[in-house]
């Protein structure tokens, strides 16, 4: 098995990475930095993976991200844009005042004490 290697440390040392770890609140991001630091300290990929509780391929991915773009790329996460809203912005603006009232009963809907999609659809219609 080929040993993981930090080819470009971008000016980071194991000591400075450890300090950075302590500043990071997000556990998953802290785990990434810790895995890279452990490899930098000489641990095998599978040892580092065991210590941070991820698979060896994940540690390999973290090391390649770090080699490519340093800590900035390692900590960067892209999230999916999410589902398109069902309502247009005008419809959302029309509904927003309804959400501010304490309950549907305040608007004359005495059948329920909390909003649900059926009540919102009927109220907008």
PDB file of N, CA and C in Angstrom:
ATOM      1  N   UNK A   1       0.841  -1.179   0.000  1.00  0.00           N
ATOM      2  CA  UNK A   1       0.000   0.000   0.000  1.00  0.00           C
ATOM      3  C   UNK A   1       0.890   1.246   0.000  1.00  0.00           C
ATOM      4  N   UNK A   2       0.530   2.209  -0.793  1.00  0.00           N
ATOM      5  CA  UNK A   2       1.307   3.441  -0.916  1.00  0.00           C
ATOM      6  C   UNK A   2       1.027   4.353   0.273  1.00  0.00           C
ATOM      7  N   UNK A   3       2.079   4.904   0.834  1.00  0.00           N
ATOM      8  CA  UNK A   3       1.972   5.783   1.993  1.00  0.00           C
ATOM      9  C   UNK A   3       1.472   7.163   1.552  1.00  0.00           C
ATOM     10  N   UNK A   4       0.538   7.724   2.309  1.00  0.00           N
ATOM     11  CA  UNK A   4       0.052   9.079   2.024  1.00  0.00           C
ATOM     12  C   UNK A   4       1.157  10.077   2.324  1.00  0.00           C
ATOM     13  N   UNK A   5       1.219  11.116   1.509  1.00  0.00           N
ATOM     14  CA  UNK A   5       2.297  12.079   1.676  1.00  0.00           C
ATOM     15  C   UNK A   5       1.763  13.485   1.460  1.00  0.00           C
ATOM     16  N   UNK A   6       2.169  14.386   2.329  1.00  0.00           N
ATOM     17  CA  UNK A   6       1.862  15.805   2.155  1.00  0.00           C
ATOM     18  C   UNK A   6       2.933  16.360   1.224  1.00  0.00           C
ATOM     19  N   UNK A   7       2.528  16.710   0.002  1.00  0.00           N
ATOM     20  CA  UNK A   7       3.507  17.200  -0.982  1.00  0.00           C
ATOM     21  C   UNK A   7       3.667  18.712  -0.928  1.00  0.00           C
ATOM     22  N   UNK A   8       2.659  19.400  -0.415  1.00  0.00           N
ATOM     23  CA  UNK A   8       2.723  20.856  -0.309  1.00  0.00           C
ATOM     24  C   UNK A   8       2.073  21.252   1.003  1.00  0.00           C
ATOM     25  N   UNK A   9       2.878  21.696   1.952  1.00  0.00           N
ATOM     26  CA  UNK A   9       2.322  21.999   3.280  1.00  0.00           C
ATOM     27  C   UNK A   9       1.742  23.408   3.380  1.00  0.00           C
ATOM     28  N   UNK A  10       1.893  24.211   2.341  1.00  0.00           N
ATOM     29  CA  UNK A  10       1.341  25.566   2.297  1.00  0.00           C
ATOM     30  C   UNK A  10       1.716  26.397   3.525  1.00  0.00           C
ATOM     31  N   UNK A  11       2.875  26.094   4.103  1.00  0.00           N
ATOM     32  CA  UNK A  11       3.350  26.855   5.256  1.00  0.00           C
ATOM     33  C   UNK A  11       2.802  26.366   6.589  1.00  0.00           C
ATOM     34  N   UNK A  12       2.014  25.316   6.576  1.00  0.00           N
ATOM     35  CA  UNK A  12       1.448  24.779   7.819  1.00  0.00           C
ATOM     36  C   UNK A  12       2.374  23.718   8.401  1.00  0.00           C
ATOM     37  N   UNK A  13       2.454  23.695   9.709  1.00  0.00           N
ATOM     38  CA  UNK A  13       3.188  22.657  10.430  1.00  0.00           C
ATOM     39  C   UNK A  13       2.188  21.887  11.276  1.00  0.00           C
ATOM     40  N   UNK A  14       2.571  20.711  11.764  1.00  0.00           N
ATOM     41  CA  UNK A  14       1.644  19.995  12.646  1.00  0.00           C
ATOM     42  C   UNK A  14       1.219  20.833  13.859  1.00  0.00           C
ATOM     43  N   UNK A  15       2.140  21.620  14.361  1.00  0.00           N
ATOM     44  CA  UNK A  15       1.823  22.454  15.533  1.00  0.00           C
ATOM     45  C   UNK A  15       0.783  23.535  15.194  1.00  0.00           C
ATOM     46  N   UNK A  16       0.962  24.213  14.049  1.00  0.00           N
ATOM     47  CA  UNK A  16       0.003  25.261  13.677  1.00  0.00           C
ATOM     48  C   UNK A  16      -1.346  24.656  13.285  1.00  0.00           C
ATOM     49  N   UNK A  17      -1.327  23.440  12.702  1.00  0.00           N
ATOM     50  CA  UNK A  17      -2.595  22.775  12.391  1.00  0.00           C
ATOM     51  C   UNK A  17      -3.343  22.399  13.667  1.00  0.00           C
ATOM     52  N   UNK A  18      -2.596  21.974  14.683  1.00  0.00           N
ATOM     53  CA  UNK A  18      -3.240  21.634  15.963  1.00  0.00           C
ATOM     54  C   UNK A  18      -3.895  22.874  16.578  1.00  0.00           C
ATOM     55  N   UNK A  19      -3.220  24.008  16.495  1.00  0.00           N
ATOM     56  CA  UNK A  19      -3.807  25.256  16.998  1.00  0.00           C
ATOM     57  C   UNK A  19      -5.069  25.606  16.218  1.00  0.00           C
ATOM     58  N   UNK A  20      -5.032  25.392  14.903  1.00  0.00           N
ATOM     59  CA  UNK A  20      -6.188  25.678  14.065  1.00  0.00           C
ATOM     60  C   UNK A  20      -7.344  24.740  14.416  1.00  0.00           C
ATOM     61  N   UNK A  21      -7.042  23.484  14.695  1.00  0.00           N
ATOM     62  CA  UNK A  21      -8.068  22.514  15.096  1.00  0.00           C
ATOM     63  C   UNK A  21      -8.869  23.021  16.291  1.00  0.00           C
ATOM     64  N   UNK A  22      -8.162  23.576  17.242  1.00  0.00           N
ATOM     65  CA  UNK A  22      -8.823  24.047  18.468  1.00  0.00           C
ATOM     66  C   UNK A  22      -9.777  25.201  18.216  1.00  0.00           C
ATOM     67  N   UNK A  23      -9.538  25.959  17.153  1.00  0.00           N
ATOM     68  CA  UNK A  23     -10.388  27.109  16.833  1.00  0.00           C
ATOM     69  C   UNK A  23     -11.663  26.713  16.084  1.00  0.00           C
ATOM     70  N   UNK A  24     -11.649  25.557  15.438  1.00  0.00           N
ATOM     71  CA  UNK A  24     -12.763  25.143  14.593  1.00  0.00           C
ATOM     72  C   UNK A  24     -13.870  24.542  15.450  1.00  0.00           C
ATOM     73  N   UNK A  25     -15.065  25.098  15.344  1.00  0.00           N
ATOM     74  CA  UNK A  25     -16.216  24.621  16.116  1.00  0.00           C
ATOM     75  C   UNK A  25     -16.877  23.405  15.470  1.00  0.00           C
ATOM     76  N   UNK A  26     -16.932  23.366  14.139  1.00  0.00           N
ATOM     77  CA  UNK A  26     -17.593  22.283  13.415  1.00  0.00           C
ATOM     78  C   UNK A  26     -16.763  21.003  13.531  1.00  0.00           C
ATOM     79  N   UNK A  27     -17.361  19.959  14.087  1.00  0.00           N
ATOM     80  CA  UNK A  27     -16.650  18.709  14.337  1.00  0.00           C
ATOM     81  C   UNK A  27     -16.146  18.062  13.060  1.00  0.00           C
ATOM     82  N   UNK A  28     -16.956  18.093  11.998  1.00  0.00           N
ATOM     83  CA  UNK A  28     -16.542  17.448  10.750  1.00  0.00           C
ATOM     84  C   UNK A  28     -15.350  18.163  10.116  1.00  0.00           C
ATOM     85  N   UNK A  29     -15.334  19.480  10.195  1.00  0.00           N
ATOM     86  CA  UNK A  29     -14.198  20.222   9.639  1.00  0.00           C
ATOM     87  C   UNK A  29     -12.957  20.021  10.503  1.00  0.00           C
ATOM     88  N   UNK A  30     -13.158  19.960  11.809  1.00  0.00           N
ATOM     89  CA  UNK A  30     -12.031  19.722  12.713  1.00  0.00           C
ATOM     90  C   UNK A  30     -11.426  18.340  12.434  1.00  0.00           C
ATOM     91  N   UNK A  31     -12.283  17.388  12.118  1.00  0.00           N
ATOM     92  CA  UNK A  31     -11.845  16.031  11.796  1.00  0.00           C
ATOM     93  C   UNK A  31     -10.957  16.025  10.550  1.00  0.00           C
ATOM     94  N   UNK A  32     -11.291  16.841   9.565  1.00  0.00           N
ATOM     95  CA  UNK A  32     -10.481  16.931   8.350  1.00  0.00           C
ATOM     96  C   UNK A  32      -9.075  17.429   8.667  1.00  0.00           C
ATOM     97  N   UNK A  33      -9.011  18.496   9.456  1.00  0.00           N
ATOM     98  CA  UNK A  33      -7.703  19.072   9.810  1.00  0.00           C
ATOM     99  C   UNK A  33      -6.892  18.072  10.625  1.00  0.00           C
ATOM    100  N   UNK A  34      -7.560  17.379  11.539  1.00  0.00           N
ATOM    101  CA  UNK A  34      -6.861  16.410  12.377  1.00  0.00           C
ATOM    102  C   UNK A  34      -6.290  15.274  11.529  1.00  0.00           C
ATOM    103  N   UNK A  35      -7.042  14.799  10.545  1.00  0.00           N
ATOM    104  CA  UNK A  35      -6.558  13.720   9.685  1.00  0.00           C
ATOM    105  C   UNK A  35      -5.313  14.156   8.918  1.00  0.00           C
ATOM    106  N   UNK A  36      -5.332  15.359   8.379  1.00  0.00           N
ATOM    107  CA  UNK A  36      -4.164  15.862   7.640  1.00  0.00           C
ATOM    108  C   UNK A  36      -2.980  16.033   8.582  1.00  0.00           C
ATOM    109  N   UNK A  37      -3.234  16.546   9.768  1.00  0.00           N
ATOM    110  CA  UNK A  37      -2.143  16.728  10.736  1.00  0.00           C
ATOM    111  C   UNK A  37      -1.504  15.390  11.106  1.00  0.00           C
ATOM    112  N   UNK A  38      -2.324  14.371  11.308  1.00  0.00           N
ATOM    113  CA  UNK A  38      -1.792  13.060  11.668  1.00  0.00           C
ATOM    114  C   UNK A  38      -0.928  12.490  10.552  1.00  0.00           C
ATOM    115  N   UNK A  39      -1.348  12.655   9.305  1.00  0.00           N
ATOM    116  CA  UNK A  39      -0.531  12.204   8.171  1.00  0.00           C
ATOM    117  C   UNK A  39       0.764  13.003   8.122  1.00  0.00           C
ATOM    118  N   UNK A  40       0.661  14.292   8.393  1.00  0.00           N
ATOM    119  CA  UNK A  40       1.846  15.146   8.391  1.00  0.00           C
ATOM    120  C   UNK A  40       2.826  14.712   9.488  1.00  0.00           C
ATOM    121  N   UNK A  41       2.282  14.192  10.596  1.00  0.00           N
ATOM    122  CA  UNK A  41       3.130  13.732  11.701  1.00  0.00           C
ATOM    123  C   UNK A  41       3.733  12.357  11.446  1.00  0.00           C
ATOM    124  N   UNK A  42       3.324  11.692  10.336  1.00  0.00           N
ATOM    125  CA  UNK A  42       3.951  10.426   9.984  1.00  0.00           C
ATOM    126  C   UNK A  42       3.076   9.198  10.150  1.00  0.00           C
ATOM    127  N   UNK A  43       1.842   9.370  10.557  1.00  0.00           N
ATOM    128  CA  UNK A  43       0.955   8.221  10.686  1.00  0.00           C
ATOM    129  C   UNK A  43       0.542   7.728   9.302  1.00  0.00           C
ATOM    130  N   UNK A  44       0.289   6.436   9.204  1.00  0.00           N
ATOM    131  CA  UNK A  44      -0.241   5.865   7.967  1.00  0.00           C
ATOM    132  C   UNK A  44      -1.679   6.333   7.782  1.00  0.00           C
ATOM    133  N   UNK A  45      -2.151   6.281   6.540  1.00  0.00           N
ATOM    134  CA  UNK A  45      -3.519   6.695   6.257  1.00  0.00           C
ATOM    135  C   UNK A  45      -4.543   5.900   7.044  1.00  0.00           C
ATOM    136  N   UNK A  46      -4.346   4.587   7.143  1.00  0.00           N
ATOM    137  CA  UNK A  46      -5.301   3.761   7.869  1.00  0.00           C
ATOM    138  C   UNK A  46      -5.248   4.036   9.375  1.00  0.00           C
ATOM    139  N   UNK A  47      -4.081   4.394   9.900  1.00  0.00           N
ATOM    140  CA  UNK A  47      -3.982   4.748  11.323  1.00  0.00           C
ATOM    141  C   UNK A  47      -4.707   6.065  11.596  1.00  0.00           C
ATOM    142  N   UNK A  48      -4.474   7.047  10.727  1.00  0.00           N
ATOM    143  CA  UNK A  48      -5.148   8.340  10.886  1.00  0.00           C
ATOM    144  C   UNK A  48      -6.652   8.156  10.746  1.00  0.00           C
ATOM    145  N   UNK A  49      -7.080   7.321   9.806  1.00  0.00           N
ATOM    146  CA  UNK A  49      -8.508   7.065   9.605  1.00  0.00           C
ATOM    147  C   UNK A  49      -9.124   6.456  10.859  1.00  0.00           C
ATOM    148  N   UNK A  50      -8.424   5.534  11.461  1.00  0.00           N
ATOM    149  CA  UNK A  50      -8.920   4.903  12.678  1.00  0.00           C
ATOM    150  C   UNK A  50      -9.024   5.913  13.818  1.00  0.00           C
ATOM    151  N   UNK A  51      -8.068   6.817  13.907  1.00  0.00           N
ATOM    152  CA  UNK A  51      -8.061   7.808  14.986  1.00  0.00           C
ATOM    153  C   UNK A  51      -9.185   8.833  14.862  1.00  0.00           C
ATOM    154  N   UNK A  52      -9.538   9.201  13.623  1.00  0.00           N
ATOM    155  CA  UNK A  52     -10.593  10.207  13.432  1.00  0.00           C
ATOM    156  C   UNK A  52     -11.930   9.580  13.040  1.00  0.00           C
ATOM    157  N   UNK A  53     -11.948   8.229  12.999  1.00  0.00           N
ATOM    158  CA  UNK A  53     -13.176   7.476  12.772  1.00  0.00           C
ATOM    159  C   UNK A  53     -13.783   7.713  11.385  1.00  0.00           C
ATOM    160  N   UNK A  54     -12.941   7.657  10.355  1.00  0.00           N
ATOM    161  CA  UNK A  54     -13.397   7.700   8.964  1.00  0.00           C
ATOM    162  C   UNK A  54     -12.664   6.588   8.216  1.00  0.00           C
ATOM    163  N   UNK A  55     -13.005   6.365   6.963  1.00  0.00           N
ATOM    164  CA  UNK A  55     -12.307   5.325   6.196  1.00  0.00           C
ATOM    165  C   UNK A  55     -11.010   5.886   5.607  1.00  0.00           C
ATOM    166  N   UNK A  56     -10.142   4.971   5.200  1.00  0.00           N
ATOM    167  CA  UNK A  56      -8.835   5.360   4.684  1.00  0.00           C
ATOM    168  C   UNK A  56      -8.950   6.215   3.424  1.00  0.00           C
ATOM    169  N   UNK A  57      -9.934   5.910   2.566  1.00  0.00           N
ATOM    170  CA  UNK A  57     -10.107   6.677   1.334  1.00  0.00           C
ATOM    171  C   UNK A  57     -10.478   8.128   1.648  1.00  0.00           C
ATOM    172  N   UNK A  58     -11.226   8.328   2.719  1.00  0.00           N
ATOM    173  CA  UNK A  58     -11.603   9.686   3.117  1.00  0.00           C
ATOM    174  C   UNK A  58     -10.371  10.475   3.534  1.00  0.00           C
ATOM    175  N   UNK A  59      -9.490   9.852   4.295  1.00  0.00           N
ATOM    176  CA  UNK A  59      -8.245  10.520   4.692  1.00  0.00           C
ATOM    177  C   UNK A  59      -7.417  10.836   3.451  1.00  0.00           C
ATOM    178  N   UNK A  60      -7.376   9.921   2.513  1.00  0.00           N
ATOM    179  CA  UNK A  60      -6.644  10.160   1.264  1.00  0.00           C
ATOM    180  C   UNK A  60      -7.227  11.358   0.516  1.00  0.00           C
ATOM    181  N   UNK A  61      -8.545  11.459   0.505  1.00  0.00           N
ATOM    182  CA  UNK A  61      -9.203  12.601  -0.147  1.00  0.00           C
ATOM    183  C   UNK A  61      -8.846  13.908   0.565  1.00  0.00           C
ATOM    184  N   UNK A  62      -8.872  13.901   1.899  1.00  0.00           N
ATOM    185  CA  UNK A  62      -8.516  15.091   2.660  1.00  0.00           C
ATOM    186  C   UNK A  62      -7.084  15.525   2.361  1.00  0.00           C
ATOM    187  N   UNK A  63      -6.177  14.568   2.292  1.00  0.00           N
ATOM    188  CA  UNK A  63      -4.764  14.889   2.012  1.00  0.00           C
ATOM    189  C   UNK A  63      -4.619  15.474   0.613  1.00  0.00           C
ATOM    190  N   UNK A  64      -5.337  14.912  -0.356  1.00  0.00           N
ATOM    191  CA  UNK A  64      -5.226  15.466  -1.721  1.00  0.00           C
ATOM    192  C   UNK A  64      -5.819  16.869  -1.792  1.00  0.00           C
ATOM    193  N   UNK A  65      -6.921  17.115  -1.082  1.00  0.00           N
ATOM    194  CA  UNK A  65      -7.467  18.479  -1.035  1.00  0.00           C
ATOM    195  C   UNK A  65      -6.459  19.440  -0.417  1.00  0.00           C
ATOM    196  N   UNK A  66      -5.850  19.025   0.681  1.00  0.00           N
ATOM    197  CA  UNK A  66      -4.879  19.884   1.364  1.00  0.00           C
ATOM    198  C   UNK A  66      -3.668  20.134   0.465  1.00  0.00           C
ATOM    199  N   UNK A  67      -3.176  19.101  -0.205  1.00  0.00           N
ATOM    200  CA  UNK A  67      -2.022  19.275  -1.101  1.00  0.00           C
ATOM    201  C   UNK A  67      -2.345  20.239  -2.233  1.00  0.00           C
ATOM    202  N   UNK A  68      -3.564  20.179  -2.714  1.00  0.00           N
ATOM    203  CA  UNK A  68      -3.960  21.020  -3.844  1.00  0.00           C
ATOM    204  C   UNK A  68      -4.184  22.473  -3.451  1.00  0.00           C
ATOM    205  N   UNK A  69      -4.901  22.706  -2.350  1.00  0.00           N
ATOM    206  CA  UNK A  69      -5.277  24.084  -2.036  1.00  0.00           C
ATOM    207  C   UNK A  69      -5.079  24.515  -0.603  1.00  0.00           C
ATOM    208  N   UNK A  70      -4.376  23.731   0.179  1.00  0.00           N
ATOM    209  CA  UNK A  70      -4.112  24.107   1.562  1.00  0.00           C
ATOM    210  C   UNK A  70      -5.348  24.003   2.439  1.00  0.00           C
ATOM    211  N   UNK A  71      -5.291  24.688   3.563  1.00  0.00           N
ATOM    212  CA  UNK A  71      -6.365  24.617   4.543  1.00  0.00           C
ATOM    213  C   UNK A  71      -7.663  25.199   4.009  1.00  0.00           C
ATOM    214  N   UNK A  72      -7.562  26.208   3.157  1.00  0.00           N
ATOM    215  CA  UNK A  72      -8.765  26.837   2.603  1.00  0.00           C
ATOM    216  C   UNK A  72      -9.599  25.835   1.804  1.00  0.00           C
ATOM    217  N   UNK A  73      -8.956  25.069   0.937  1.00  0.00           N
ATOM    218  CA  UNK A  73      -9.681  24.077   0.140  1.00  0.00           C
ATOM    219  C   UNK A  73     -10.147  22.903   1.012  1.00  0.00           C
ATOM    220  N   UNK A  74      -9.349  22.543   1.995  1.00  0.00           N
ATOM    221  CA  UNK A  74      -9.717  21.449   2.889  1.00  0.00           C
ATOM    222  C   UNK A  74     -10.996  21.765   3.662  1.00  0.00           C
ATOM    223  N   UNK A  75     -11.149  23.018   4.076  1.00  0.00           N
ATOM    224  CA  UNK A  75     -12.309  23.409   4.876  1.00  0.00           C
ATOM    225  C   UNK A  75     -13.491  23.863   4.039  1.00  0.00           C
ATOM    226  N   UNK A  76     -13.306  23.999   2.721  1.00  0.00           N
ATOM    227  CA  UNK A  76     -14.396  24.444   1.845  1.00  0.00           C
ATOM    228  C   UNK A  76     -15.344  23.290   1.574  1.00  0.00           C
ATOM    229  N   UNK A  77     -16.653  23.549   1.743  1.00  0.00           N
ATOM    230  CA  UNK A  77     -17.662  22.525   1.458  1.00  0.00           C
ATOM    231  C   UNK A  77     -18.740  23.134   0.583  1.00  0.00           C
ATOM    232  N   UNK A  78     -19.020  22.467  -0.522  1.00  0.00           N
ATOM    233  CA  UNK A  78     -20.113  22.889  -1.392  1.00  0.00           C
ATOM    234  C   UNK A  78     -21.370  22.140  -0.998  1.00  0.00           C
ATOM    235  N   UNK A  79     -22.454  22.853  -0.904  1.00  0.00           N
ATOM    236  CA  UNK A  79     -23.724  22.240  -0.582  1.00  0.00           C
ATOM    237  C   UNK A  79     -24.630  22.321  -1.804  1.00  0.00           C
ATOM    238  N   UNK A  80     -25.465  21.329  -1.944  1.00  0.00           N
ATOM    239  CA  UNK A  80     -26.418  21.326  -3.044  1.00  0.00           C
ATOM    240  C   UNK A  80     -27.351  22.523  -2.897  1.00  0.00           C
ATOM    241  N   UNK A  81     -27.808  23.083  -4.021  1.00  0.00           N
ATOM    242  CA  UNK A  81     -28.649  24.274  -3.947  1.00  0.00           C
ATOM    243  C   UNK A  81     -30.005  24.020  -3.310  1.00  0.00           C
ATOM    244  N   UNK A  82     -30.448  22.787  -3.282  1.00  0.00           N
ATOM    245  CA  UNK A  82     -31.734  22.485  -2.666  1.00  0.00           C
ATOM    246  C   UNK A  82     -32.864  22.459  -3.676  1.00  0.00           C
ATOM    247  N   UNK A  83     -34.010  22.071  -3.203  1.00  0.00           N
ATOM    248  CA  UNK A  83     -35.179  21.934  -4.052  1.00  0.00           C
ATOM    249  C   UNK A  83     -35.740  23.310  -4.397  1.00  0.00           C
ATOM    250  N   UNK A  84     -36.292  23.425  -5.596  1.00  0.00           N
ATOM    251  CA  UNK A  84     -36.960  24.653  -6.008  1.00  0.00           C
ATOM    252  C   UNK A  84     -38.220  24.841  -5.161  1.00  0.00           C
ATOM    253  N   UNK A  85     -38.502  26.046  -4.717  1.00  0.00           N
ATOM    254  CA  UNK A  85     -39.713  26.258  -3.922  1.00  0.00           C
ATOM    255  C   UNK A  85     -40.970  26.008  -4.756  1.00  0.00           C
ATOM    256  N   UNK A  86     -41.996  25.488  -4.092  1.00  0.00           N
ATOM    257  CA  UNK A  86     -43.262  25.236  -4.774  1.00  0.00           C
ATOM    258  C   UNK A  86     -44.017  26.537  -5.022  1.00  0.00           C
ATOM    259  N   UNK A  87     -43.828  27.514  -4.160  1.00  0.00           N
ATOM    260  CA  UNK A  87     -44.551  28.780  -4.265  1.00  0.00           C
ATOM    261  C   UNK A  87     -43.668  29.840  -4.917  1.00  0.00           C
ATOM    262  N   UNK A  88     -44.311  30.738  -5.643  1.00  0.00           N
ATOM    263  CA  UNK A  88     -43.576  31.873  -6.198  1.00  0.00           C
ATOM    264  C   UNK A  88     -43.265  32.842  -5.063  1.00  0.00           C
ATOM    265  N   UNK A  89     -42.423  33.828  -5.340  1.00  0.00           N
ATOM    266  CA  UNK A  89     -42.090  34.810  -4.300  1.00  0.00           C
ATOM    267  C   UNK A  89     -43.317  35.610  -3.881  1.00  0.00           C
ATOM    268  N   UNK A  90     -44.209  35.898  -4.830  1.00  0.00           N
ATOM    269  CA  UNK A  90     -45.440  36.640  -4.498  1.00  0.00           C
ATOM    270  C   UNK A  90     -46.313  35.829  -3.547  1.00  0.00           C
ATOM    271  N   UNK A  91     -46.413  34.526  -3.803  1.00  0.00           N
ATOM    272  CA  UNK A  91     -47.198  33.665  -2.926  1.00  0.00           C
ATOM    273  C   UNK A  91     -46.561  33.576  -1.543  1.00  0.00           C
ATOM    274  N   UNK A  92     -45.248  33.498  -1.500  1.00  0.00           N
ATOM    275  CA  UNK A  92     -44.559  33.455  -0.210  1.00  0.00           C
ATOM    276  C   UNK A  92     -44.783  34.752   0.565  1.00  0.00           C
ATOM    277  N   UNK A  93     -44.773  35.894  -0.153  1.00  0.00           N
ATOM    278  CA  UNK A  93     -45.033  37.185   0.507  1.00  0.00           C
ATOM    279  C   UNK A  93     -46.456  37.241   1.047  1.00  0.00           C
ATOM    280  N   UNK A  94     -47.378  36.619   0.332  1.00  0.00           N
ATOM    281  CA  UNK A  94     -48.772  36.608   0.766  1.00  0.00           C
ATOM    282  C   UNK A  94     -48.953  35.742   2.019  1.00  0.00           C
ATOM    283  N   UNK A  95     -48.178  34.679   2.117  1.00  0.00           N
ATOM    284  CA  UNK A  95     -48.287  33.762   3.250  1.00  0.00           C
ATOM    285  C   UNK A  95     -47.558  34.291   4.481  1.00  0.00           C
ATOM    286  N   UNK A  96     -46.488  35.037   4.295  1.00  0.00           N
ATOM    287  CA  UNK A  96     -45.663  35.435   5.444  1.00  0.00           C
ATOM    288  C   UNK A  96     -46.434  36.152   6.545  1.00  0.00           C
ATOM    289  N   UNK A  97     -47.402  37.029   6.275  1.00  0.00           N
ATOM    290  CA  UNK A  97     -48.146  37.611   7.396  1.00  0.00           C
ATOM    291  C   UNK A  97     -48.959  36.570   8.161  1.00  0.00           C
ATOM    292  N   UNK A  98     -49.383  35.515   7.490  1.00  0.00           N
ATOM    293  CA  UNK A  98     -50.142  34.462   8.160  1.00  0.00           C
ATOM    294  C   UNK A  98     -49.282  33.750   9.199  1.00  0.00           C
ATOM    295  N   UNK A  99     -48.034  33.556   8.872  1.00  0.00           N
ATOM    296  CA  UNK A  99     -47.132  32.887   9.802  1.00  0.00           C
ATOM    297  C   UNK A  99     -46.848  33.706  11.042  1.00  0.00           C
ATOM    298  N   UNK A 100     -47.100  35.025  10.981  1.00  0.00           N
ATOM    299  CA  UNK A 100     -46.838  35.874  12.133  1.00  0.00           C
ATOM    300  C   UNK A 100     -47.969  35.844  13.149  1.00  0.00           C
ATOM    301  N   UNK A 101     -49.155  35.453  12.711  1.00  0.00           N
ATOM    302  CA  UNK A 101     -50.262  35.399  13.669  1.00  0.00           C
ATOM    303  C   UNK A 101     -50.069  34.182  14.568  1.00  0.00           C
ATOM    304  N   UNK A 102     -50.524  34.270  15.814  1.00  0.00           N
ATOM    305  CA  UNK A 102     -50.263  33.194  16.770  1.00  0.00           C
ATOM    306  C   UNK A 102     -50.871  31.842  16.381  1.00  0.00           C
ATOM    307  N   UNK A 103     -52.072  31.839  15.799  1.00  0.00           N
ATOM    308  CA  UNK A 103     -52.685  30.563  15.454  1.00  0.00           C
ATOM    309  C   UNK A 103     -53.717  30.775  14.343  1.00  0.00           C
ATOM    310  N   UNK A 104     -54.119  29.688  13.676  1.00  0.00           N
ATOM    311  CA  UNK A 104     -55.157  29.806  12.653  1.00  0.00           C
ATOM    312  C   UNK A 104     -56.495  30.263  13.243  1.00  0.00           C
ATOM    313  N   UNK A 105     -56.724  29.995  14.503  1.00  0.00           N
ATOM    314  CA  UNK A 105     -57.973  30.394  15.153  1.00  0.00           C
ATOM    315  C   UNK A 105     -58.124  31.909  15.159  1.00  0.00           C
ATOM    316  N   UNK A 106     -57.019  32.640  15.195  1.00  0.00           N
ATOM    317  CA  UNK A 106     -57.068  34.103  15.180  1.00  0.00           C
ATOM    318  C   UNK A 106     -57.637  34.630  13.859  1.00  0.00           C
ATOM    319  N   UNK A 107     -57.518  33.836  12.796  1.00  0.00           N
ATOM    320  CA  UNK A 107     -58.030  34.239  11.493  1.00  0.00           C
ATOM    321  C   UNK A 107     -59.386  33.589  11.185  1.00  0.00           C
ATOM    322  N   UNK A 108     -59.974  32.957  12.175  1.00  0.00           N
ATOM    323  CA  UNK A 108     -61.290  32.363  11.986  1.00  0.00           C
ATOM    324  C   UNK A 108     -61.274  30.877  11.686  1.00  0.00           C
ATOM    325  N   UNK A 109     -60.138  30.249  11.668  1.00  0.00           N
ATOM    326  CA  UNK A 109     -60.048  28.805  11.451  1.00  0.00           C
ATOM    327  C   UNK A 109     -60.032  28.138  12.822  1.00  0.00           C
ATOM    328  N   UNK A 110     -61.191  27.839  13.352  1.00  0.00           N
ATOM    329  CA  UNK A 110     -61.224  27.317  14.716  1.00  0.00           C
ATOM    330  C   UNK A 110     -61.078  25.792  14.782  1.00  0.00           C
ATOM    331  N   UNK A 111     -60.801  25.154  13.669  1.00  0.00           N
ATOM    332  CA  UNK A 111     -60.648  23.706  13.672  1.00  0.00           C
ATOM    333  C   UNK A 111     -59.260  23.258  14.116  1.00  0.00           C
ATOM    334  N   UNK A 112     -58.284  24.115  14.026  1.00  0.00           N
ATOM    335  CA  UNK A 112     -56.919  23.704  14.361  1.00  0.00           C
ATOM    336  C   UNK A 112     -56.229  24.784  15.169  1.00  0.00           C
ATOM    337  N   UNK A 113     -55.294  24.351  15.977  1.00  0.00           N
ATOM    338  CA  UNK A 113     -54.549  25.319  16.780  1.00  0.00           C
ATOM    339  C   UNK A 113     -53.183  25.631  16.184  1.00  0.00           C
ATOM    340  N   UNK A 114     -52.784  24.909  15.137  1.00  0.00           N
ATOM    341  CA  UNK A 114     -51.493  25.154  14.493  1.00  0.00           C
ATOM    342  C   UNK A 114     -51.666  25.111  12.979  1.00  0.00           C
ATOM    343  N   UNK A 115     -50.774  25.824  12.289  1.00  0.00           N
ATOM    344  CA  UNK A 115     -50.828  25.854  10.835  1.00  0.00           C
ATOM    345  C   UNK A 115     -50.372  24.531  10.254  1.00  0.00           C
ATOM    346  N   UNK A 116     -51.013  24.132   9.166  1.00  0.00           N
ATOM    347  CA  UNK A 116     -50.553  23.009   8.360  1.00  0.00           C
ATOM    348  C   UNK A 116     -50.742  23.405   6.895  1.00  0.00           C
ATOM    349  N   UNK A 117     -50.269  22.593   5.999  1.00  0.00           N
ATOM    350  CA  UNK A 117     -50.313  22.977   4.581  1.00  0.00           C
ATOM    351  C   UNK A 117     -51.737  23.085   4.044  1.00  0.00           C
ATOM    352  N   UNK A 118     -52.624  22.268   4.548  1.00  0.00           N
ATOM    353  CA  UNK A 118     -54.012  22.327   4.085  1.00  0.00           C
ATOM    354  C   UNK A 118     -54.651  23.655   4.460  1.00  0.00           C
ATOM    355  N   UNK A 119     -54.447  24.102   5.705  1.00  0.00           N
ATOM    356  CA  UNK A 119     -54.995  25.375   6.144  1.00  0.00           C
ATOM    357  C   UNK A 119     -54.372  26.541   5.386  1.00  0.00           C
ATOM    358  N   UNK A 120     -53.050  26.473   5.151  1.00  0.00           N
ATOM    359  CA  UNK A 120     -52.397  27.548   4.406  1.00  0.00           C
ATOM    360  C   UNK A 120     -52.929  27.623   2.981  1.00  0.00           C
ATOM    361  N   UNK A 121     -53.096  26.478   2.331  1.00  0.00           N
ATOM    362  CA  UNK A 121     -53.613  26.467   0.956  1.00  0.00           C
ATOM    363  C   UNK A 121     -55.019  27.036   0.916  1.00  0.00           C
ATOM    364  N   UNK A 122     -55.856  26.682   1.857  1.00  0.00           N
ATOM    365  CA  UNK A 122     -57.232  27.172   1.879  1.00  0.00           C
ATOM    366  C   UNK A 122     -57.249  28.667   2.176  1.00  0.00           C
ATOM    367  N   UNK A 123     -56.367  29.137   3.039  1.00  0.00           N
ATOM    368  CA  UNK A 123     -56.329  30.547   3.399  1.00  0.00           C
ATOM    369  C   UNK A 123     -55.863  31.394   2.215  1.00  0.00           C
ATOM    370  N   UNK A 124     -54.872  30.890   1.467  1.00  0.00           N
ATOM    371  CA  UNK A 124     -54.373  31.636   0.307  1.00  0.00           C
ATOM    372  C   UNK A 124     -55.424  31.651  -0.801  1.00  0.00           C
ATOM    373  N   UNK A 125     -56.121  30.535  -0.979  1.00  0.00           N
ATOM    374  CA  UNK A 125     -57.149  30.465  -2.032  1.00  0.00           C
ATOM    375  C   UNK A 125     -58.279  31.416  -1.699  1.00  0.00           C
TER     376      UNK A 125
END
